[in-house]
Structure formats: structure tokens, C-alpha cells
């Protein structure tokens, strides 16, 4: 009797355990492989993506910055130059015009 029970239980348990273990092992192996591959690939992909993105972003940012900086520089330079030139020209023109107008006004008298 023990022998028969052992045989039947072995057959039934083998079938059931094979099914359950296949599911569980598939799930666990998939998780472990995913973790391991994620770790390995993250490092490699980070390096490669950093290089590629640096190249692409450098090009795009250079274009955008060039446009914006050109506009801003032109605007700021114009403002600053206008301010400084106005100050300097006001002083120089005041001196020269004072001399010329003094001369002309004294000639008319």
C-alpha cells in the first residue's frame, strides 16, 4: 500500500509542483533578471545617452543661446552705448557749443 501511495502521490505531486514551480520560478527569474539587467544597462545607457544628449543639446542650446544672446546683447549694447554716448556727447557738445555760441554771440554785439 505504501508503495502504491508513494507512486500515485509522486505522479500527482510532480504534475502539480511542476505547474506551480514553473509559474513561480518564471516570475522570480524574470524579476531577478530584470533587476540585474537594469543595473547593468543603466550604467552603460547612462554613459551613451550622456554623450549623445550632450552632442544634441549642445547644438540646440548653441543655436537658441546664439539667437537669444544676439538679441539681448544687441538690445543691451544699444542701451548701454546710448547711455554712455549721451553722457559723453552731452559734455563735449556742451563745451564746443558753449565756445561757438559765445563766439557768435559776442560777434553780434
PDB file of N, CA and C in Angstrom:
ATOM      1  N   UNK A   1       0.821  -1.200   0.000  1.00  0.00           N
ATOM      2  CA  UNK A   1       0.000   0.000   0.000  1.00  0.00           C
ATOM      3  C   UNK A   1       0.862   1.261   0.000  1.00  0.00           C
ATOM      4  N   UNK A   2       1.873   1.240   0.788  1.00  0.00           N
ATOM      5  CA  UNK A   2       2.759   2.391   0.863  1.00  0.00           C
ATOM      6  C   UNK A   2       3.411   2.654  -0.477  1.00  0.00           C
ATOM      7  N   UNK A   3       3.760   1.586  -1.131  1.00  0.00           N
ATOM      8  CA  UNK A   3       4.414   1.720  -2.443  1.00  0.00           C
ATOM      9  C   UNK A   3       3.465   2.338  -3.453  1.00  0.00           C
ATOM     10  N   UNK A   4       2.213   1.902  -3.471  1.00  0.00           N
ATOM     11  CA  UNK A   4       1.227   2.446  -4.397  1.00  0.00           C
ATOM     12  C   UNK A   4       0.963   3.922  -4.107  1.00  0.00           C
ATOM     13  N   UNK A   5       0.796   4.230  -2.840  1.00  0.00           N
ATOM     14  CA  UNK A   5       0.559   5.627  -2.439  1.00  0.00           C
ATOM     15  C   UNK A   5       1.743   6.505  -2.838  1.00  0.00           C
ATOM     16  N   UNK A   6       2.913   6.000  -2.618  1.00  0.00           N
ATOM     17  CA  UNK A   6       4.113   6.757  -2.959  1.00  0.00           C
ATOM     18  C   UNK A   6       4.156   7.028  -4.448  1.00  0.00           C
ATOM     19  N   UNK A   7       3.826   6.007  -5.247  1.00  0.00           N
ATOM     20  CA  UNK A   7       3.837   6.175  -6.700  1.00  0.00           C
ATOM     21  C   UNK A   7       2.786   7.177  -7.160  1.00  0.00           C
ATOM     22  N   UNK A   8       1.557   7.010  -6.683  1.00  0.00           N
ATOM     23  CA  UNK A   8       0.476   7.903  -7.090  1.00  0.00           C
ATOM     24  C   UNK A   8       0.741   9.339  -6.632  1.00  0.00           C
ATOM     25  N   UNK A   9       1.175   9.480  -5.392  1.00  0.00           N
ATOM     26  CA  UNK A   9       1.475  10.825  -4.867  1.00  0.00           C
ATOM     27  C   UNK A   9       2.620  11.461  -5.641  1.00  0.00           C
ATOM     28  N   UNK A  10       3.598  10.662  -5.981  1.00  0.00           N
ATOM     29  CA  UNK A  10       4.728  11.173  -6.746  1.00  0.00           C
ATOM     30  C   UNK A  10       4.251  11.698  -8.091  1.00  0.00           C
ATOM     31  N   UNK A  11       3.390  10.931  -8.768  1.00  0.00           N
ATOM     32  CA  UNK A  11       2.872  11.364 -10.066  1.00  0.00           C
ATOM     33  C   UNK A  11       2.045  12.643  -9.936  1.00  0.00           C
ATOM     34  N   UNK A  12       1.108  12.641  -8.995  1.00  0.00           N
ATOM     35  CA  UNK A  12       0.239  13.809  -8.829  1.00  0.00           C
ATOM     36  C   UNK A  12       1.025  15.040  -8.382  1.00  0.00           C
ATOM     37  N   UNK A  13       1.898  14.836  -7.416  1.00  0.00           N
ATOM     38  CA  UNK A  13       2.687  15.968  -6.907  1.00  0.00           C
ATOM     39  C   UNK A  13       3.643  16.493  -7.970  1.00  0.00           C
ATOM     40  N   UNK A  14       4.196  15.598  -8.755  1.00  0.00           N
ATOM     41  CA  UNK A  14       5.104  16.021  -9.819  1.00  0.00           C
ATOM     42  C   UNK A  14       4.372  16.935 -10.787  1.00  0.00           C
ATOM     43  N   UNK A  15       3.169  16.553 -11.171  1.00  0.00           N
ATOM     44  CA  UNK A  15       2.381  17.378 -12.089  1.00  0.00           C
ATOM     45  C   UNK A  15       2.037  18.737 -11.491  1.00  0.00           C
ATOM     46  N   UNK A  16       1.492  18.699 -10.273  1.00  0.00           N
ATOM     47  CA  UNK A  16       1.098  19.956  -9.615  1.00  0.00           C
ATOM     48  C   UNK A  16       2.300  20.851  -9.324  1.00  0.00           C
ATOM     49  N   UNK A  17       3.332  20.238  -8.762  1.00  0.00           N
ATOM     50  CA  UNK A  17       4.516  21.031  -8.402  1.00  0.00           C
ATOM     51  C   UNK A  17       5.200  21.602  -9.643  1.00  0.00           C
ATOM     52  N   UNK A  18       5.220  20.826 -10.713  1.00  0.00           N
ATOM     53  CA  UNK A  18       5.820  21.319 -11.953  1.00  0.00           C
ATOM     54  C   UNK A  18       5.079  22.565 -12.424  1.00  0.00           C
ATOM     55  N   UNK A  19       3.757  22.517 -12.378  1.00  0.00           N
ATOM     56  CA  UNK A  19       2.947  23.654 -12.816  1.00  0.00           C
ATOM     57  C   UNK A  19       3.187  24.881 -11.927  1.00  0.00           C
ATOM     58  N   UNK A  20       3.087  24.672 -10.613  1.00  0.00           N
ATOM     59  CA  UNK A  20       3.268  25.799  -9.678  1.00  0.00           C
ATOM     60  C   UNK A  20       4.693  26.348  -9.708  1.00  0.00           C
ATOM     61  N   UNK A  21       5.640  25.434  -9.688  1.00  0.00           N
ATOM     62  CA  UNK A  21       7.035  25.877  -9.677  1.00  0.00           C
ATOM     63  C   UNK A  21       7.398  26.602 -10.969  1.00  0.00           C
ATOM     64  N   UNK A  22       6.833  26.143 -12.078  1.00  0.00           N
ATOM     65  CA  UNK A  22       7.097  26.814 -13.351  1.00  0.00           C
ATOM     66  C   UNK A  22       6.625  28.263 -13.281  1.00  0.00           C
ATOM     67  N   UNK A  23       5.422  28.476 -12.746  1.00  0.00           N
ATOM     68  CA  UNK A  23       4.891  29.841 -12.624  1.00  0.00           C
ATOM     69  C   UNK A  23       5.756  30.689 -11.693  1.00  0.00           C
ATOM     70  N   UNK A  24       6.027  30.154 -10.504  1.00  0.00           N
ATOM     71  CA  UNK A  24       6.789  30.918  -9.518  1.00  0.00           C
ATOM     72  C   UNK A  24       8.218  31.191  -9.976  1.00  0.00           C
ATOM     73  N   UNK A  25       8.849  30.173 -10.532  1.00  0.00           N
ATOM     74  CA  UNK A  25      10.227  30.358 -10.995  1.00  0.00           C
ATOM     75  C   UNK A  25      10.288  31.339 -12.161  1.00  0.00           C
ATOM     76  N   UNK A  26       9.300  31.249 -13.047  1.00  0.00           N
ATOM     77  CA  UNK A  26       9.261  32.196 -14.162  1.00  0.00           C
ATOM     78  C   UNK A  26       9.158  33.623 -13.630  1.00  0.00           C
ATOM     79  N   UNK A  27       8.285  33.825 -12.650  1.00  0.00           N
ATOM     80  CA  UNK A  27       8.100  35.160 -12.073  1.00  0.00           C
ATOM     81  C   UNK A  27       9.370  35.646 -11.372  1.00  0.00           C
ATOM     82  N   UNK A  28       9.924  34.792 -10.518  1.00  0.00           N
ATOM     83  CA  UNK A  28      11.116  35.200  -9.765  1.00  0.00           C
ATOM     84  C   UNK A  28      12.334  35.400 -10.659  1.00  0.00           C
ATOM     85  N   UNK A  29      12.515  34.490 -11.618  1.00  0.00           N
ATOM     86  CA  UNK A  29      13.657  34.630 -12.526  1.00  0.00           C
ATOM     87  C   UNK A  29      13.523  35.900 -13.365  1.00  0.00           C
ATOM     88  N   UNK A  30      12.297  36.171 -13.795  1.00  0.00           N
ATOM     89  CA  UNK A  30      12.067  37.389 -14.567  1.00  0.00           C
ATOM     90  C   UNK A  30      12.404  38.622 -13.729  1.00  0.00           C
ATOM     91  N   UNK A  31      11.973  38.626 -12.462  1.00  0.00           N
ATOM     92  CA  UNK A  31      12.269  39.753 -11.573  1.00  0.00           C
ATOM     93  C   UNK A  31      13.773  39.924 -11.380  1.00  0.00           C
ATOM     94  N   UNK A  32      14.446  38.817 -11.072  1.00  0.00           N
ATOM     95  CA  UNK A  32      15.897  38.895 -10.844  1.00  0.00           C
ATOM     96  C   UNK A  32      16.647  39.348 -12.087  1.00  0.00           C
ATOM     97  N   UNK A  33      16.291  38.745 -13.219  1.00  0.00           N
ATOM     98  CA  UNK A  33      16.955  39.134 -14.466  1.00  0.00           C
ATOM     99  C   UNK A  33      16.688  40.606 -14.784  1.00  0.00           C
ATOM    100  N   UNK A  34      15.456  41.030 -14.532  1.00  0.00           N
ATOM    101  CA  UNK A  34      15.117  42.431 -14.778  1.00  0.00           C
ATOM    102  C   UNK A  34      15.970  43.341 -13.898  1.00  0.00           C
ATOM    103  N   UNK A  35      16.105  42.995 -12.619  1.00  0.00           N
ATOM    104  CA  UNK A  35      16.929  43.795 -11.706  1.00  0.00           C
ATOM    105  C   UNK A  35      18.384  43.841 -12.164  1.00  0.00           C
ATOM    106  N   UNK A  36      18.931  42.655 -12.463  1.00  0.00           N
ATOM    107  CA  UNK A  36      20.332  42.585 -12.872  1.00  0.00           C
ATOM    108  C   UNK A  36      20.574  43.349 -14.168  1.00  0.00           C
ATOM    109  N   UNK A  37      19.709  43.133 -15.138  1.00  0.00           N
ATOM    110  CA  UNK A  37      19.873  43.824 -16.419  1.00  0.00           C
ATOM    111  C   UNK A  37      19.676  45.329 -16.268  1.00  0.00           C
ATOM    112  N   UNK A  38      18.736  45.703 -15.413  1.00  0.00           N
ATOM    113  CA  UNK A  38      18.507  47.126 -15.187  1.00  0.00           C
ATOM    114  C   UNK A  38      19.762  47.779 -14.625  1.00  0.00           C
ATOM    115  N   UNK A  39      20.384  47.134 -13.647  1.00  0.00           N
ATOM    116  CA  UNK A  39      21.613  47.677 -13.065  1.00  0.00           C
ATOM    117  C   UNK A  39      22.714  47.800 -14.114  1.00  0.00           C
ATOM    118  N   UNK A  40      22.925  46.726 -14.857  1.00  0.00           N
ATOM    119  CA  UNK A  40      23.995  46.731 -15.864  1.00  0.00           C
ATOM    120  C   UNK A  40      23.705  47.731 -16.974  1.00  0.00           C
ATOM    121  N   UNK A  41      22.499  47.712 -17.476  1.00  0.00           N
ATOM    122  CA  UNK A  41      22.152  48.577 -18.605  1.00  0.00           C
ATOM    123  C   UNK A  41      22.082  50.047 -18.207  1.00  0.00           C
ATOM    124  N   UNK A  42      21.679  50.307 -16.976  1.00  0.00           N
ATOM    125  CA  UNK A  42      21.584  51.694 -16.532  1.00  0.00           C
ATOM    126  C   UNK A  42      22.937  52.376 -16.645  1.00  0.00           C
ATOM    127  N   UNK A  43      23.972  51.732 -16.187  1.00  0.00           N
ATOM    128  CA  UNK A  43      25.320  52.310 -16.248  1.00  0.00           C
ATOM    129  C   UNK A  43      25.747  52.548 -17.692  1.00  0.00           C
ATOM    130  N   UNK A  44      25.595  51.521 -18.516  1.00  0.00           N
ATOM    131  CA  UNK A  44      26.001  51.639 -19.921  1.00  0.00           C
ATOM    132  C   UNK A  44      25.170  52.688 -20.651  1.00  0.00           C
ATOM    133  N   UNK A  45      23.864  52.628 -20.460  1.00  0.00           N
ATOM    134  CA  UNK A  45      22.982  53.572 -21.152  1.00  0.00           C
ATOM    135  C   UNK A  45      23.201  55.001 -20.672  1.00  0.00           C
ATOM    136  N   UNK A  46      23.485  55.154 -19.395  1.00  0.00           N
ATOM    137  CA  UNK A  46      23.742  56.491 -18.870  1.00  0.00           C
ATOM    138  C   UNK A  46      24.941  57.104 -19.572  1.00  0.00           C
ATOM    139  N   UNK A  47      26.005  56.336 -19.730  1.00  0.00           N
ATOM    140  CA  UNK A  47      27.194  56.842 -20.418  1.00  0.00           C
ATOM    141  C   UNK A  47      26.896  57.199 -21.867  1.00  0.00           C
ATOM    142  N   UNK A  48      26.280  56.269 -22.584  1.00  0.00           N
ATOM    143  CA  UNK A  48      25.994  56.502 -24.009  1.00  0.00           C
ATOM    144  C   UNK A  48      25.009  57.649 -24.205  1.00  0.00           C
ATOM    145  N   UNK A  49      23.957  57.639 -23.413  1.00  0.00           N
ATOM    146  CA  UNK A  49      22.950  58.696 -23.557  1.00  0.00           C
ATOM    147  C   UNK A  49      23.515  60.058 -23.167  1.00  0.00           C
ATOM    148  N   UNK A  50      24.383  60.068 -22.171  1.00  0.00           N
ATOM    149  CA  UNK A  50      25.003  61.326 -21.779  1.00  0.00           C
ATOM    150  C   UNK A  50      25.792  61.900 -22.940  1.00  0.00           C
ATOM    151  N   UNK A  51      26.561  61.062 -23.613  1.00  0.00           N
ATOM    152  CA  UNK A  51      27.348  61.524 -24.761  1.00  0.00           C
ATOM    153  C   UNK A  51      26.448  62.031 -25.882  1.00  0.00           C
ATOM    154  N   UNK A  52      25.468  61.222 -26.261  1.00  0.00           N
ATOM    155  CA  UNK A  52      24.585  61.603 -27.376  1.00  0.00           C
ATOM    156  C   UNK A  52      23.765  62.840 -27.047  1.00  0.00           C
ATOM    157  N   UNK A  53      23.197  62.855 -25.855  1.00  0.00           N
ATOM    158  CA  UNK A  53      22.373  64.005 -25.472  1.00  0.00           C
ATOM    159  C   UNK A  53      23.215  65.268 -25.337  1.00  0.00           C
ATOM    160  N   UNK A  54      24.439  65.114 -24.871  1.00  0.00           N
ATOM    161  CA  UNK A  54      25.322  66.268 -24.771  1.00  0.00           C
ATOM    162  C   UNK A  54      25.556  66.862 -26.148  1.00  0.00           C
ATOM    163  N   UNK A  55      25.805  66.004 -27.131  1.00  0.00           N
ATOM    164  CA  UNK A  55      26.014  66.490 -28.500  1.00  0.00           C
ATOM    165  C   UNK A  55      24.771  67.202 -29.025  1.00  0.00           C
ATOM    166  N   UNK A  56      23.625  66.541 -28.911  1.00  0.00           N
ATOM    167  CA  UNK A  56      22.389  67.118 -29.444  1.00  0.00           C
ATOM    168  C   UNK A  56      22.000  68.395 -28.703  1.00  0.00           C
ATOM    169  N   UNK A  57      22.091  68.349 -27.387  1.00  0.00           N
ATOM    170  CA  UNK A  57      21.712  69.523 -26.602  1.00  0.00           C
ATOM    171  C   UNK A  57      22.674  70.677 -26.832  1.00  0.00           C
ATOM    172  N   UNK A  58      23.945  70.353 -27.020  1.00  0.00           N
ATOM    173  CA  UNK A  58      24.919  71.402 -27.287  1.00  0.00           C
ATOM    174  C   UNK A  58      24.555  72.137 -28.563  1.00  0.00           C
ATOM    175  N   UNK A  59      24.209  71.383 -29.602  1.00  0.00           N
ATOM    176  CA  UNK A  59      23.825  72.011 -30.868  1.00  0.00           C
ATOM    177  C   UNK A  59      22.581  72.877 -30.694  1.00  0.00           C
ATOM    178  N   UNK A  60      21.546  72.295 -30.103  1.00  0.00           N
ATOM    179  CA  UNK A  60      20.290  73.026 -29.954  1.00  0.00           C
ATOM    180  C   UNK A  60      20.453  74.239 -29.048  1.00  0.00           C
ATOM    181  N   UNK A  61      21.133  74.042 -27.931  1.00  0.00           N
ATOM    182  CA  UNK A  61      21.312  75.155 -26.998  1.00  0.00           C
ATOM    183  C   UNK A  61      22.183  76.245 -27.597  1.00  0.00           C
ATOM    184  N   UNK A  62      23.184  75.840 -28.359  1.00  0.00           N
ATOM    185  CA  UNK A  62      24.046  76.826 -29.002  1.00  0.00           C
ATOM    186  C   UNK A  62      23.233  77.695 -29.944  1.00  0.00           C
ATOM    187  N   UNK A  63      22.371  77.061 -30.740  1.00  0.00           N
ATOM    188  CA  UNK A  63      21.535  77.821 -31.669  1.00  0.00           C
ATOM    189  C   UNK A  63      20.610  78.772 -30.913  1.00  0.00           C
ATOM    190  N   UNK A  64      19.915  78.239 -29.914  1.00  0.00           N
ATOM    191  CA  UNK A  64      18.970  79.069 -29.169  1.00  0.00           C
ATOM    192  C   UNK A  64      19.680  80.179 -28.409  1.00  0.00           C
ATOM    193  N   UNK A  65      20.777  79.820 -27.756  1.00  0.00           N
ATOM    194  CA  UNK A  65      21.510  80.835 -26.997  1.00  0.00           C
ATOM    195  C   UNK A  65      22.085  81.897 -27.920  1.00  0.00           C
ATOM    196  N   UNK A  66      22.558  81.464 -29.078  1.00  0.00           N
ATOM    197  CA  UNK A  66      23.101  82.421 -30.030  1.00  0.00           C
ATOM    198  C   UNK A  66      22.028  83.416 -30.443  1.00  0.00           C
ATOM    199  N   UNK A  67      20.835  82.911 -30.762  1.00  0.00           N
ATOM    200  CA  UNK A  67      19.743  83.800 -31.149  1.00  0.00           C
ATOM    201  C   UNK A  67      19.376  84.743 -30.015  1.00  0.00           C
ATOM    202  N   UNK A  68      19.150  84.175 -28.843  1.00  0.00           N
ATOM    203  CA  UNK A  68      18.732  84.999 -27.702  1.00  0.00           C
ATOM    204  C   UNK A  68      19.824  85.971 -27.287  1.00  0.00           C
ATOM    205  N   UNK A  69      21.046  85.445 -27.215  1.00  0.00           N
ATOM    206  CA  UNK A  69      22.141  86.315 -26.797  1.00  0.00           C
ATOM    207  C   UNK A  69      22.367  87.429 -27.801  1.00  0.00           C
ATOM    208  N   UNK A  70      22.231  87.098 -29.071  1.00  0.00           N
ATOM    209  CA  UNK A  70      22.400  88.123 -30.093  1.00  0.00           C
ATOM    210  C   UNK A  70      21.363  89.216 -29.898  1.00  0.00           C
ATOM    211  N   UNK A  71      20.102  88.817 -29.691  1.00  0.00           N
ATOM    212  CA  UNK A  71      19.040  89.796 -29.464  1.00  0.00           C
ATOM    213  C   UNK A  71      19.304  90.595 -28.196  1.00  0.00           C
ATOM    214  N   UNK A  72      19.596  89.881 -27.108  1.00  0.00           N
ATOM    215  CA  UNK A  72      19.801  90.553 -25.828  1.00  0.00           C
ATOM    216  C   UNK A  72      21.048  91.421 -25.848  1.00  0.00           C
ATOM    217  N   UNK A  73      22.121  90.887 -26.435  1.00  0.00           N
ATOM    218  CA  UNK A  73      23.351  91.671 -26.500  1.00  0.00           C
ATOM    219  C   UNK A  73      23.142  92.931 -27.315  1.00  0.00           C
ATOM    220  N   UNK A  74      22.469  92.776 -28.441  1.00  0.00           N
ATOM    221  CA  UNK A  74      22.206  93.941 -29.273  1.00  0.00           C
ATOM    222  C   UNK A  74      21.382  94.954 -28.494  1.00  0.00           C
ATOM    223  N   UNK A  75      20.351  94.480 -27.820  1.00  0.00           N
ATOM    224  CA  UNK A  75      19.481  95.362 -27.045  1.00  0.00           C
ATOM    225  C   UNK A  75      20.264  96.041 -25.917  1.00  0.00           C
ATOM    226  N   UNK A  76      20.987  95.249 -25.157  1.00  0.00           N
ATOM    227  CA  UNK A  76      21.740  95.803 -24.025  1.00  0.00           C
ATOM    228  C   UNK A  76      22.865  96.717 -24.484  1.00  0.00           C
ATOM    229  N   UNK A  77      23.568  96.271 -25.531  1.00  0.00           N
ATOM    230  CA  UNK A  77      24.642  97.115 -26.050  1.00  0.00           C
ATOM    231  C   UNK A  77      24.095  98.450 -26.528  1.00  0.00           C
ATOM    232  N   UNK A  78      22.969  98.380 -27.218  1.00  0.00           N
ATOM    233  CA  UNK A  78      22.358  99.614 -27.704  1.00  0.00           C
ATOM    234  C   UNK A  78      22.004 100.522 -26.535  1.00  0.00           C
ATOM    235  N   UNK A  79      21.383  99.955 -25.498  1.00  0.00           N
ATOM    236  CA  UNK A  79      21.016 100.745 -24.319  1.00  0.00           C
ATOM    237  C   UNK A  79      22.255 101.342 -23.655  1.00  0.00           C
ATOM    238  N   UNK A  80      23.260 100.502 -23.422  1.00  0.00           N
ATOM    239  CA  UNK A  80      24.459 100.972 -22.728  1.00  0.00           C
ATOM    240  C   UNK A  80      25.219 101.989 -23.569  1.00  0.00           C
ATOM    241  N   UNK A  81      25.357 101.683 -24.858  1.00  0.00           N
ATOM    242  CA  UNK A  81      26.061 102.629 -25.732  1.00  0.00           C
ATOM    243  C   UNK A  81      25.320 103.954 -25.810  1.00  0.00           C
ATOM    244  N   UNK A  82      24.004 103.873 -25.938  1.00  0.00           N
ATOM    245  CA  UNK A  82      23.216 105.100 -25.998  1.00  0.00           C
ATOM    246  C   UNK A  82      23.408 105.907 -24.721  1.00  0.00           C
ATOM    247  N   UNK A  83      23.368 105.233 -23.590  1.00  0.00           N
ATOM    248  CA  UNK A  83      23.552 105.919 -22.306  1.00  0.00           C
ATOM    249  C   UNK A  83      24.913 106.578 -22.194  1.00  0.00           C
ATOM    250  N   UNK A  84      25.950 105.828 -22.456  1.00  0.00           N
ATOM    251  CA  UNK A  84      27.314 106.374 -22.336  1.00  0.00           C
ATOM    252  C   UNK A  84      27.587 107.456 -23.368  1.00  0.00           C
ATOM    253  N   UNK A  85      27.173 107.185 -24.610  1.00  0.00           N
ATOM    254  CA  UNK A  85      27.402 108.185 -25.659  1.00  0.00           C
ATOM    255  C   UNK A  85      26.630 109.467 -25.369  1.00  0.00           C
ATOM    256  N   UNK A  86      25.429 109.326 -24.835  1.00  0.00           N
ATOM    257  CA  UNK A  86      24.642 110.515 -24.492  1.00  0.00           C
ATOM    258  C   UNK A  86      25.380 111.346 -23.447  1.00  0.00           C
ATOM    259  N   UNK A  87      25.917 110.685 -22.431  1.00  0.00           N
ATOM    260  CA  UNK A  87      26.664 111.405 -21.390  1.00  0.00           C
ATOM    261  C   UNK A  87      27.887 112.110 -21.976  1.00  0.00           C
ATOM    262  N   UNK A  88      28.703 111.343 -22.701  1.00  0.00           N
ATOM    263  CA  UNK A  88      29.937 111.914 -23.248  1.00  0.00           C
ATOM    264  C   UNK A  88      29.651 112.997 -24.274  1.00  0.00           C
ATOM    265  N   UNK A  89      28.700 112.734 -25.156  1.00  0.00           N
ATOM    266  CA  UNK A  89      28.381 113.731 -26.183  1.00  0.00           C
ATOM    267  C   UNK A  89      27.770 114.983 -25.568  1.00  0.00           C
ATOM    268  N   UNK A  90      26.983 114.813 -24.524  1.00  0.00           N
ATOM    269  CA  UNK A  90      26.403 115.982 -23.858  1.00  0.00           C
ATOM    270  C   UNK A  90      27.511 116.871 -23.308  1.00  0.00           C
ATOM    271  N   UNK A  91      28.502 116.265 -22.660  1.00  0.00           N
ATOM    272  CA  UNK A  91      29.607 117.056 -22.108  1.00  0.00           C
ATOM    273  C   UNK A  91      30.414 117.730 -23.213  1.00  0.00           C
ATOM    274  N   UNK A  92      30.803 116.938 -24.221  1.00  0.00           N
ATOM    275  CA  UNK A  92      31.624 117.504 -25.301  1.00  0.00           C
ATOM    276  C   UNK A  92      30.860 118.553 -26.096  1.00  0.00           C
ATOM    277  N   UNK A  93      29.622 118.251 -26.427  1.00  0.00           N
ATOM    278  CA  UNK A  93      28.836 119.220 -27.201  1.00  0.00           C
ATOM    279  C   UNK A  93      28.544 120.478 -26.388  1.00  0.00           C
ATOM    280  N   UNK A  94      28.351 120.309 -25.098  1.00  0.00           N
ATOM    281  CA  UNK A  94      28.118 121.486 -24.254  1.00  0.00           C
ATOM    282  C   UNK A  94      29.331 122.403 -24.304  1.00  0.00           C
ATOM    283  N   UNK A  95      30.532 121.810 -24.186  1.00  0.00           N
ATOM    284  CA  UNK A  95      31.754 122.624 -24.238  1.00  0.00           C
ATOM    285  C   UNK A  95      31.908 123.296 -25.599  1.00  0.00           C
ATOM    286  N   UNK A  96      31.805 122.515 -26.659  1.00  0.00           N
ATOM    287  CA  UNK A  96      32.004 123.070 -28.007  1.00  0.00           C
ATOM    288  C   UNK A  96      30.936 124.096 -28.364  1.00  0.00           C
ATOM    289  N   UNK A  97      29.694 123.755 -28.085  1.00  0.00           N
ATOM    290  CA  UNK A  97      28.620 124.691 -28.413  1.00  0.00           C
ATOM    291  C   UNK A  97      28.727 125.966 -27.576  1.00  0.00           C
ATOM    292  N   UNK A  98      29.162 125.808 -26.334  1.00  0.00           N
ATOM    293  CA  UNK A  98      29.338 126.992 -25.495  1.00  0.00           C
ATOM    294  C   UNK A  98      30.383 127.907 -26.114  1.00  0.00           C
ATOM    295  N   UNK A  99      31.503 127.306 -26.572  1.00  0.00           N
ATOM    296  CA  UNK A  99      32.560 128.104 -27.201  1.00  0.00           C
ATOM    297  C   UNK A  99      32.055 128.764 -28.474  1.00  0.00           C
ATOM    298  N   UNK A 100      31.423 127.981 -29.344  1.00  0.00           N
ATOM    299  CA  UNK A 100      30.956 128.533 -30.621  1.00  0.00           C
ATOM    300  C   UNK A 100      29.875 129.585 -30.418  1.00  0.00           C
ATOM    301  N   UNK A 101      28.924 129.287 -29.565  1.00  0.00           N
ATOM    302  CA  UNK A 101      27.837 130.245 -29.345  1.00  0.00           C
ATOM    303  C   UNK A 101      28.347 131.504 -28.646  1.00  0.00           C
ATOM    304  N   UNK A 102      29.301 131.336 -27.752  1.00  0.00           N
ATOM    305  CA  UNK A 102      29.879 132.509 -27.094  1.00  0.00           C
ATOM    306  C   UNK A 102      30.547 133.394 -28.130  1.00  0.00           C
ATOM    307  N   UNK A 103      31.288 132.731 -29.033  1.00  0.00           N
ATOM    308  CA  UNK A 103      31.968 133.484 -30.097  1.00  0.00           C
ATOM    309  C   UNK A 103      30.974 134.208 -30.980  1.00  0.00           C
ATOM    310  N   UNK A 104      29.968 133.562 -31.419  1.00  0.00           N
ATOM    311  CA  UNK A 104      28.984 134.176 -32.320  1.00  0.00           C
ATOM    312  C   UNK A 104      28.181 135.271 -31.626  1.00  0.00           C
ATOM    313  N   UNK A 105      27.808 134.991 -30.412  1.00  0.00           N
ATOM    314  CA  UNK A 105      27.005 135.991 -29.703  1.00  0.00           C
ATOM    315  C   UNK A 105      27.821 137.242 -29.385  1.00  0.00           C
ATOM    316  N   UNK A 106      29.119 137.064 -29.150  1.00  0.00           N
ATOM    317  CA  UNK A 106      29.949 138.242 -28.880  1.00  0.00           C
ATOM    318  C   UNK A 106      30.244 138.997 -30.154  1.00  0.00           C
ATOM    319  N   UNK A 107      30.253 138.311 -31.288  1.00  0.00           N
ATOM    320  CA  UNK A 107      30.477 138.974 -32.576  1.00  0.00           C
ATOM    321  C   UNK A 107      29.274 139.834 -32.939  1.00  0.00           C
ATOM    322  N   UNK A 108      28.106 139.408 -32.589  1.00  0.00           N
ATOM    323  CA  UNK A 108      26.890 140.121 -32.953  1.00  0.00           C
ATOM    324  C   UNK A 108      26.736 141.408 -32.161  1.00  0.00           C
ATOM    325  N   UNK A 109      27.330 141.565 -31.074  1.00  0.00           N
ATOM    326  CA  UNK A 109      27.163 142.770 -30.256  1.00  0.00           C
ATOM    327  C   UNK A 109      28.010 143.850 -30.713  1.00  0.00           C
TER     328      UNK A 109
END
